[in-house]
Protein backbone atom coordinates (compact mmCIF):
# COMPACT_ATOMS: atom_id res chain seq x y z
CA MET A 1 12.27 55.47 7.56
CA SER A 2 15.64 53.82 8.36
CA VAL A 3 17.29 54.66 11.48
CA GLU A 4 19.89 53.23 13.93
CA PRO A 5 18.51 50.89 16.57
CA GLU A 6 17.92 52.60 19.92
CA LYS A 7 19.52 51.38 23.09
CA LYS A 8 16.80 49.60 25.19
CA GLN A 9 16.36 49.44 28.93
CA GLY A 10 14.50 47.03 31.03
CA HIS A 11 11.84 47.90 33.64
CA LYS A 12 8.70 46.35 35.18
CA THR A 13 6.37 49.34 34.38
CA LEU A 14 4.29 49.86 31.27
CA ILE A 15 5.72 52.72 29.05
CA ILE A 16 3.67 55.29 27.33
CA VAL A 17 4.36 58.23 25.00
CA LEU A 18 4.41 61.72 26.63
CA VAL A 19 1.72 62.78 24.38
CA GLY A 20 -1.02 60.50 25.44
CA LEU A 21 -1.71 57.67 27.70
CA GLY A 22 -0.05 54.24 27.33
CA ILE A 23 -1.03 52.06 24.38
CA VAL A 24 -3.76 49.58 24.74
CA LEU A 25 -4.32 46.13 23.25
CA ALA A 26 -7.85 46.85 21.70
CA LEU A 27 -10.23 44.58 19.95
CA GLY A 28 -12.62 46.33 17.48
CA SER A 29 -14.26 44.80 14.38
CA ALA A 30 -12.23 42.32 12.42
CA GLY A 31 -11.64 44.88 9.68
CA GLY A 32 -10.78 47.80 12.05
CA GLY A 33 -7.64 49.79 11.47
CA TYR A 34 -5.15 48.82 8.74
CA VAL A 35 -5.09 45.06 8.44
CA VAL A 36 -2.64 43.70 5.82
CA GLY A 37 -1.91 40.40 7.66
CA ARG A 38 -5.16 38.51 8.09
CA ALA A 39 -7.01 38.17 11.37
CA SER A 40 -9.31 35.39 10.45
CA ALA A 41 -11.50 35.10 13.54
CA THR A 42 -14.32 37.59 13.80
CA PRO A 43 -14.67 38.93 17.30
CA GLN A 44 -17.88 38.27 19.22
CA THR A 45 -20.05 41.20 20.13
CA ILE A 46 -20.43 41.82 23.74
CA THR A 47 -23.26 43.95 24.91
CA GLU A 48 -23.30 45.29 28.43
CA THR A 49 -25.13 47.78 30.54
CA VAL A 50 -23.32 51.04 30.97
CA LEU A 51 -24.09 52.80 34.24
CA GLU A 52 -25.10 56.36 33.61
CA THR A 53 -26.86 58.34 36.34
CA VAL A 54 -29.03 57.76 39.38
CA THR A 55 -32.00 59.90 38.37
CA GLU A 56 -33.01 59.32 34.83
CA THR A 57 -33.57 56.63 32.20
CA ILE A 58 -31.13 57.00 29.26
CA THR A 59 -30.68 54.98 26.08
CA GLU A 60 -27.24 55.67 24.63
CA THR A 61 -25.14 54.41 21.75
CA VAL A 62 -21.74 54.05 23.16
CA MET A 63 -18.37 53.26 21.67
CA GLU A 64 -17.11 49.81 22.78
CA THR A 65 -13.62 48.43 22.61
CA VAL A 66 -11.50 45.89 24.18
CA GLU A 67 -8.04 46.66 25.60
CA VAL A 68 -5.29 44.73 27.24
CA THR A 69 -2.92 47.55 28.28
CA ARG A 70 -3.23 51.23 28.28
CA GLU A 71 -3.56 53.34 25.12
CA VAL A 72 -5.18 53.86 21.78
CA GLU A 73 -8.35 51.76 20.81
CA VAL A 74 -10.37 50.53 17.98
CA THR A 75 -14.08 51.24 18.52
CA ARG A 76 -17.43 49.73 17.44
CA GLU A 77 -20.91 50.93 18.23
CA VAL A 78 -23.51 49.04 20.19
CA ALA A 79 -26.82 50.13 21.67
CA VAL A 80 -26.61 50.13 25.49
CA PRO A 81 -29.55 50.95 27.64
CA ALA A 82 -28.97 52.33 31.04
CA SER A 83 -31.51 51.58 33.78
CA ALA A 84 -33.52 54.17 35.66
CA ASP A 85 -31.58 53.13 38.70
CA GLY A 86 -28.28 54.00 37.06
CA VAL A 87 -25.20 53.41 39.24
CA ALA A 88 -27.12 52.62 42.30
CA GLY A 89 -29.92 50.58 41.13
CA SER A 90 -32.16 52.69 43.09
CA THR A 91 -33.17 56.36 43.37
CA ALA A 92 -32.12 59.02 45.77
CA GLU A 93 -35.70 59.16 47.20
CA GLU A 94 -35.41 55.53 48.70
CA SER A 95 -35.49 55.94 52.45
CA GLU A 96 -34.09 52.69 53.59
CA THR A 97 -30.59 51.49 53.21
CA THR A 98 -30.34 47.69 52.35
CA ALA A 99 -27.66 45.26 52.72
CA VAL A 100 -25.48 44.77 49.60
CA PRO A 101 -24.92 41.14 48.66
CA PRO A 102 -21.48 40.60 47.02
CA GLY A 103 -21.76 40.80 43.32
CA ASN A 104 -25.16 42.55 43.21
CA PRO A 105 -24.30 46.31 42.68
CA GLU A 106 -27.91 46.87 41.43
CA ASP A 107 -28.90 46.64 45.10
CA ILE A 108 -26.71 49.43 46.37
CA THR A 109 -28.47 52.48 47.75
CA PHE A 110 -26.71 55.79 48.08
CA ASP A 111 -28.51 57.17 51.13
CA VAL A 112 -25.45 57.22 53.30
CA PHE A 113 -23.33 58.75 50.51
CA TYR A 114 -25.93 61.68 50.22
CA GLU A 115 -26.15 62.00 53.97
CA ALA A 116 -22.33 62.34 54.28
CA TRP A 117 -22.07 64.96 51.46
CA GLN A 118 -25.03 67.01 52.70
CA LEU A 119 -23.15 67.36 55.91
CA VAL A 120 -20.01 68.39 54.06
CA GLU A 121 -21.85 71.01 52.09
CA GLN A 122 -23.55 72.32 55.11
CA GLN A 123 -20.68 72.35 57.60
CA TYR A 124 -17.26 71.96 55.82
CA ASP A 125 -15.04 74.90 56.47
CA GLY A 126 -13.51 75.20 52.99
CA ASP A 127 -14.35 75.09 49.33
CA VAL A 128 -16.50 72.01 48.17
CA PRO A 129 -15.37 70.51 44.96
CA PRO A 130 -17.74 70.50 41.88
CA ASN A 131 -20.23 67.61 41.64
CA ASP A 132 -18.37 65.96 38.82
CA ASP A 133 -15.27 65.74 40.86
CA VAL A 134 -17.23 64.13 43.71
CA LEU A 135 -18.81 61.67 41.35
CA TYR A 136 -15.58 60.71 39.60
CA ALA A 137 -13.80 60.26 42.78
CA ALA A 138 -16.53 58.03 44.18
CA ILE A 139 -16.43 55.86 41.00
CA GLU A 140 -12.51 55.62 41.14
CA GLY A 141 -12.60 54.87 44.83
CA SER A 142 -15.25 52.11 44.44
CA LEU A 143 -13.23 50.52 41.72
CA GLU A 144 -10.27 50.02 44.02
CA THR A 145 -12.37 47.41 45.97
CA LEU A 146 -12.07 45.06 42.91
CA GLY A 147 -8.27 44.83 43.38
CA ASP A 148 -7.84 44.99 39.66
CA GLU A 149 -5.57 47.85 38.38
CA PHE A 150 -6.85 47.46 34.82
CA THR A 151 -10.54 47.93 35.60
CA ARG A 152 -10.61 51.65 35.87
CA PHE A 153 -12.53 54.91 35.11
CA VAL A 154 -11.08 57.48 32.80
CA ARG A 155 -12.13 61.01 33.28
CA PRO A 156 -13.50 62.83 30.17
CA ASP A 157 -10.42 65.03 29.48
CA VAL A 158 -8.12 62.17 29.60
CA ALA A 159 -10.38 59.96 27.56
CA GLU A 160 -10.69 62.58 24.84
CA ARG A 161 -6.81 62.74 24.63
CA LEU A 162 -6.91 58.91 24.12
CA ARG A 163 -9.36 59.11 21.38
CA GLN A 164 -7.35 61.86 19.66
CA ASP A 165 -4.23 59.80 19.72
CA ALA A 166 -5.85 56.75 18.19
CA ALA A 167 -4.38 57.41 14.73
CA GLY A 168 -0.86 57.84 16.02
CA ALA A 169 -0.60 61.71 15.29
CA VAL A 170 -0.34 63.64 18.59
CA GLU A 171 0.65 66.88 20.13
CA GLY A 172 3.23 67.14 22.83
CA ILE A 173 6.99 67.17 23.54
CA GLY A 174 7.88 63.87 22.14
CA ALA A 175 9.21 61.46 24.78
CA PHE A 176 8.55 57.78 25.91
CA VAL A 177 7.69 57.95 29.63
CA ARG A 178 6.81 55.64 32.47
CA GLU A 179 5.52 55.73 36.06
CA ASN A 180 8.41 54.03 37.85
CA GLU A 181 8.34 51.88 40.89
CA GLU A 182 8.46 54.93 43.14
CA GLY A 183 5.43 56.50 41.46
CA GLN A 184 7.56 59.08 39.66
CA PHE A 185 7.13 60.44 36.10
CA GLU A 186 10.34 59.14 34.49
CA ILE A 187 11.60 59.81 30.86
CA VAL A 188 12.42 56.47 29.28
CA ARG A 189 13.84 58.07 26.22
CA PRO A 190 13.08 61.05 24.04
CA ILE A 191 11.91 60.46 20.41
CA PRO A 192 14.68 61.27 18.06
CA GLY A 193 14.42 64.75 16.48
CA GLN A 194 11.49 65.84 18.68
CA PRO A 195 11.35 68.75 21.11
CA ALA A 196 12.18 66.74 24.24
CA GLU A 197 15.41 65.50 22.72
CA LEU A 198 16.36 68.89 21.23
CA ALA A 199 15.83 70.56 24.57
CA GLY A 200 18.17 68.13 26.33
CA LEU A 201 15.95 65.74 28.27
CA LEU A 202 17.63 62.43 28.97
CA PRO A 203 16.53 58.82 29.78
CA GLY A 204 16.16 58.55 33.59
CA ASP A 205 15.10 62.14 33.97
CA ILE A 206 12.40 62.60 36.65
CA ILE A 207 9.78 65.31 36.18
CA ILE A 208 9.10 66.90 39.49
CA GLY A 209 7.38 70.04 38.37
CA VAL A 210 5.37 71.30 35.39
CA ASP A 211 4.78 75.05 34.86
CA GLY A 212 5.71 75.80 38.39
CA GLN A 213 3.38 73.17 39.92
CA SER A 214 4.88 70.33 42.00
CA MET A 215 4.14 66.86 40.82
CA GLU A 216 4.05 65.35 44.20
CA GLY A 217 0.74 63.71 44.85
CA VAL A 218 -0.38 64.19 41.25
CA SER A 219 -1.70 61.20 39.33
CA PHE A 220 0.01 60.01 36.19
CA ASP A 221 -2.91 60.90 34.09
CA GLU A 222 -2.95 64.37 35.40
CA VAL A 223 0.80 64.79 34.67
CA ILE A 224 0.24 63.75 31.14
CA LEU A 225 -2.52 66.39 30.81
CA LEU A 226 -0.22 69.07 32.16
CA VAL A 227 2.63 68.19 29.92
CA ARG A 228 0.60 67.91 26.82
CA GLY A 229 -1.05 70.74 25.07
CA PRO A 230 -1.68 72.46 21.72
CA ARG A 231 1.22 72.58 19.35
CA GLY A 232 3.04 75.93 19.46
CA THR A 233 2.56 76.42 23.17
CA ASP A 234 5.31 76.06 25.72
CA VAL A 235 5.54 73.88 28.81
CA THR A 236 8.27 74.35 31.53
CA LEU A 237 9.54 71.13 33.16
CA LEU A 238 11.48 70.93 36.37
CA VAL A 239 13.56 67.73 36.22
CA GLN A 240 15.61 65.76 38.69
CA ARG A 241 18.61 64.21 37.15
CA GLU A 242 20.94 61.62 38.62
CA GLY A 243 24.28 63.26 39.42
CA GLU A 244 22.95 66.73 39.51
CA GLU A 245 22.54 68.39 42.91
CA GLU A 246 19.95 70.87 41.84
CA PRO A 247 16.82 70.34 39.64
CA LEU A 248 17.18 71.32 35.99
CA GLU A 249 14.59 73.48 34.19
CA PHE A 250 13.62 73.01 30.53
CA THR A 251 11.19 75.16 28.58
CA ILE A 252 9.90 73.06 25.52
CA THR A 253 7.60 74.12 22.71
CA ARG A 254 4.93 71.44 21.91
CA VAL A 255 4.46 70.21 18.34
CA ARG A 256 2.25 67.84 16.46
CA PHE A 257 4.09 64.76 15.07
CA GLU A 258 3.69 61.13 14.09
CA ILE A 259 4.76 58.56 16.68
CA PRO A 260 7.47 56.44 14.89
CA THR A 261 5.72 53.18 14.75
CA VAL A 262 8.37 51.24 12.90
CA GLU A 263 12.09 51.82 12.53
CA TYR A 264 14.19 49.45 10.28
CA GLU A 265 17.51 48.96 8.54
CA MET A 266 19.86 46.40 7.29
CA LEU A 267 22.66 45.54 9.63
CA GLU A 268 25.98 43.99 8.76
CA ASN A 269 26.26 40.39 7.72
CA GLY A 270 23.02 40.55 5.91
CA ILE A 271 20.64 40.76 8.93
CA ALA A 272 17.52 42.74 8.76
CA TYR A 273 16.32 44.68 11.83
CA ILE A 274 12.80 46.03 12.69
CA HIS A 275 11.90 47.81 15.73
CA LEU A 276 8.11 47.98 16.23
CA GLN A 277 7.30 50.72 18.74
CA GLU A 278 3.62 50.02 19.36
CA PHE A 279 0.61 48.19 17.82
CA ASN A 280 -1.34 51.28 16.68
CA GLN A 281 -3.73 51.47 13.70
CA THR A 282 -0.86 51.61 11.18
CA ALA A 283 1.41 48.96 12.69
CA THR A 284 0.64 46.06 10.18
CA GLU A 285 0.72 48.39 7.23
CA LYS A 286 4.06 49.87 8.31
CA MET A 287 5.39 46.42 9.16
CA GLN A 288 4.47 45.19 5.60
CA THR A 289 6.29 48.05 4.03
CA ALA A 290 9.35 47.55 6.09
CA LEU A 291 9.43 43.82 5.40
CA GLU A 292 9.01 44.35 1.53
CA GLU A 293 12.03 46.75 1.55
CA LEU A 294 14.33 44.50 3.76
CA LEU A 295 13.28 41.14 2.15
CA ALA A 296 14.06 42.58 -1.24
CA GLN A 297 17.70 42.64 -0.10
CA ASN A 298 17.67 38.96 0.63
CA PRO A 299 18.70 39.03 4.27
CA GLN A 300 19.85 35.78 6.01
CA ALA A 301 17.63 36.54 9.05
CA LEU A 302 15.43 39.15 10.72
CA ILE A 303 15.55 40.62 14.21
CA LEU A 304 12.12 41.77 15.43
CA ASP A 305 12.57 44.21 18.26
CA LEU A 306 9.54 44.29 20.62
CA ARG A 307 11.39 45.85 23.60
CA ASP A 308 9.63 48.65 25.40
CA ASN A 309 6.55 48.12 23.17
CA PRO A 310 3.57 48.49 25.51
CA GLY A 311 0.89 47.07 23.17
CA GLY A 312 -1.83 48.35 21.02
CA PHE A 313 -4.81 46.98 18.99
CA LEU A 314 -5.60 43.24 19.26
CA ASN A 315 -6.46 42.99 15.66
CA GLN A 316 -3.12 44.56 14.73
CA SER A 317 -1.26 42.10 17.01
CA VAL A 318 -2.95 39.10 15.27
CA ALA A 319 -2.24 40.61 11.98
CA VAL A 320 1.45 41.23 12.68
CA ALA A 321 1.87 37.63 14.06
CA ASP A 322 0.19 36.51 10.76
CA LEU A 323 2.98 38.18 8.70
CA PHE A 324 5.38 35.56 10.27
CA LEU A 325 3.08 32.53 10.78
CA PRO A 326 1.46 30.05 8.44
CA THR A 327 -2.04 28.82 9.36
CA ASN A 328 -1.81 28.53 13.21
CA VAL A 329 -3.50 29.78 16.41
CA VAL A 330 -2.28 33.18 17.55
CA LEU A 331 -4.12 33.37 20.89
CA PHE A 332 -7.21 32.12 22.81
CA GLU A 333 -9.56 34.51 24.68
CA ARG A 334 -11.62 33.08 27.53
CA ASN A 335 -13.67 34.16 30.56
CA ARG A 336 -15.64 32.47 33.29
CA ASN A 337 -18.90 33.47 31.63
CA GLY A 338 -18.38 31.09 28.65
CA LEU A 339 -16.50 33.35 26.26
CA ASP A 340 -14.12 31.23 24.19
CA GLN A 341 -12.65 32.76 21.04
CA THR A 342 -9.78 31.63 18.89
CA PHE A 343 -7.72 34.03 16.76
CA ASN A 344 -5.82 32.41 13.92
CA ALA A 345 -3.15 33.31 11.32
CA ASP A 346 -3.51 32.17 7.70
CA ASP A 347 -0.99 31.12 4.99
CA GLY A 348 0.40 33.31 2.39
CA ASP A 349 2.10 36.19 4.07
CA ILE A 350 5.42 37.85 3.41
CA ALA A 351 7.70 36.66 6.20
CA GLU A 352 6.58 33.15 6.95
CA THR A 353 10.00 31.47 6.22
CA ILE A 354 12.76 33.86 7.00
CA SER A 355 14.84 32.93 10.18
CA LEU A 356 13.47 35.09 13.04
CA VAL A 357 14.84 36.34 16.40
CA VAL A 358 12.68 38.40 18.64
CA LEU A 359 13.91 40.90 21.40
CA VAL A 360 11.86 41.35 24.44
CA ASN A 361 12.11 42.91 27.91
CA PRO A 362 9.91 43.89 30.86
CA GLY A 363 8.58 46.82 28.79
CA SER A 364 7.18 44.42 26.22
CA ALA A 365 3.42 44.17 27.14
CA SER A 366 0.11 42.83 25.98
CA ALA A 367 0.09 42.89 22.18
CA SER A 368 3.88 42.42 22.22
CA GLU A 369 3.43 39.43 24.46
CA ILE A 370 0.81 38.03 22.12
CA VAL A 371 3.06 38.12 19.17
CA ALA A 372 6.09 36.95 21.13
CA GLY A 373 4.24 34.12 22.78
CA ALA A 374 2.66 32.87 19.45
CA LEU A 375 5.98 32.91 17.65
CA GLN A 376 7.67 31.13 20.55
CA ASP A 377 4.97 28.53 21.03
CA HIS A 378 4.96 27.51 17.30
CA GLY A 379 8.79 27.32 17.24
CA ARG A 380 8.84 30.08 14.67
CA ALA A 381 11.37 32.41 16.55
CA ILE A 382 13.88 32.45 19.21
CA LEU A 383 13.17 34.97 22.03
CA ILE A 384 16.20 36.79 23.47
CA GLY A 385 16.23 39.30 26.29
CA GLU A 386 14.34 39.45 29.51
CA THR A 387 10.90 38.16 30.80
CA THR A 388 8.02 40.36 29.50
CA PHE A 389 5.70 42.58 31.57
CA GLY A 390 2.86 39.88 32.09
CA LYS A 391 -0.38 41.60 31.04
CA GLY A 392 -2.85 38.87 30.05
CA SER A 393 -6.29 40.36 30.82
CA VAL A 394 -8.79 41.93 28.41
CA GLN A 395 -10.69 45.04 29.23
CA GLN A 396 -14.01 46.17 27.68
CA VAL A 397 -13.92 49.97 27.01
CA HIS A 398 -17.09 51.94 27.17
CA GLU A 399 -17.50 55.61 26.37
CA LEU A 400 -20.00 56.99 28.81
CA SER A 401 -22.52 59.79 28.23
CA ASP A 402 -20.15 62.60 29.45
CA GLY A 403 -17.21 61.44 27.31
CA SER A 404 -15.50 59.55 30.16
CA GLU A 405 -14.66 55.91 29.76
CA MET A 406 -15.17 52.76 31.83
CA ARG A 407 -12.73 49.91 31.27
CA VAL A 408 -13.80 46.61 32.75
CA THR A 409 -11.79 43.40 32.77
CA ILE A 410 -13.93 40.85 31.01
CA ALA A 411 -11.53 37.99 29.91
CA ARG A 412 -8.08 36.53 29.94
CA TRP A 413 -5.99 35.55 26.86
CA TYR A 414 -3.78 32.56 26.39
CA THR A 415 -0.93 31.76 24.14
CA PRO A 416 -1.23 28.94 21.45
CA ALA A 417 0.24 26.46 24.05
CA ASN A 418 -2.61 27.34 26.38
CA ASN A 419 -0.32 29.37 28.77
CA SER A 420 -1.55 32.43 30.54
CA ILE A 421 1.12 35.17 30.84
CA ASP A 422 -0.99 37.28 33.38
CA ASN A 423 1.52 38.35 36.12
CA GLU A 424 4.04 35.84 34.71
CA GLY A 425 5.14 37.23 31.35
CA VAL A 426 6.72 35.46 28.40
CA THR A 427 10.12 33.98 29.37
CA PRO A 428 12.86 34.32 26.56
CA ASP A 429 14.66 31.34 25.28
CA ILE A 430 17.91 33.14 25.91
CA GLU A 431 17.95 35.58 28.87
CA ILE A 432 20.26 38.56 28.56
CA ILE A 433 19.92 41.19 31.30
CA MET A 434 20.46 44.73 30.22
CA GLU A 435 21.12 47.42 32.81
CA PHE A 436 19.16 50.66 32.63
CA GLY A 437 21.33 53.34 30.79
CA ALA A 438 23.81 50.80 29.48
CA GLU A 439 25.92 52.17 26.58
CA GLU A 440 26.11 48.80 24.72
CA ASP A 441 22.99 47.00 23.47
CA VAL A 442 24.09 43.63 24.74
CA GLN A 443 20.60 42.01 23.74
CA LEU A 444 20.85 43.11 20.25
CA GLU A 445 24.46 42.00 20.10
CA ARG A 446 23.44 38.72 21.50
CA ALA A 447 20.72 38.48 18.85
CA ILE A 448 23.27 39.05 16.14
CA GLU A 449 25.61 36.38 17.53
CA TYR A 450 22.69 33.84 17.52
CA VAL A 451 21.92 34.66 13.94
CA LEU A 452 25.61 34.09 12.85
CA THR A 453 26.41 30.99 15.05
CA GLY A 454 22.98 29.38 15.76
CA GLU A 455 23.83 29.33 19.36
């Protein structure tokens, strides 16, 4: 599908699609997803104990993945035994509370927790939430003590939406969104031709109400669930728009559609342009198709646009990098427990020699940073734009027995030059700042200028 390049905006918040949670950099089996470029390293199997309940012994087969941002995931099955102690490492019948040495959660007892909630149930003058809500809130609150925003618990309904979205076909209104620095639910841009655009939503719109419910104090995941829903159903959004004194109301009918993974065209002066939206299961396959069509027209150079690309599958990021790289390291993955893996590209792919410019901005995260960092470190491409998001940690994703998910940071990844981008990002070779909502795409214009002049 050939389209006009979209205007891009810079920000420091991961973008997601308003039909599911933000996309994750995930590591499955080496053959997972569609791999046209070759990921030559076989990921190591990591087996961990998944915490289930505090009262019974369970042996589960869980779906295990690895992610580096927020969204779809490739899965692989491993047998994971849960101890009889479950989360607590002890039972509710234990009568003595013991001190909890740092780093030994198996020694935690829940006596005080039960005491507190028994008092709530006996004396609280109001409705007591369901047990599941209490349990989930306890898990979420305890994870905050880690100080790691990427180690998180995903409730079953949200986790199910993530799994449904893994193939790229989703149901919703069709808009890229983000949680901005003020914690608001902001439209980055509607997807062309989808209901959000047709209804009149614009970049920068802030959703302040859904079906009559205020979004104040509502979590990002909860907002997504409220906005999403079965195709053919309506959702009414109350939107605050800059320059408008009163909020605007939009009633939008949800549809099922494919997220446009790749957009491409030939620009003037024989320059090929590809915008990769995300590293989902079809990313490499669609990149291969786009490259075949564009390279058949003998372009003098290619501009690869990774702006506002929040990430995706790790094996897809390696395979996409492989399309442009001869035999070389794409990334290293390491942790303090001895994990040390190298992911490589191989010779023989379609776009290993064409002159290449890569566009990046603060919305380029995880998988995007892996590709941009690898191409930059090997001198394969010039990066133009703004410093990327800076997401360099790897999360192990476990599907728990009730359909919820636990995502635990297990490692960090490094560029071929052994640089960590965590909290730092990838710095472009040519920095061009683009203001949010700008009418002219100055970054794309600068990339074209570089192709034509070499400067």
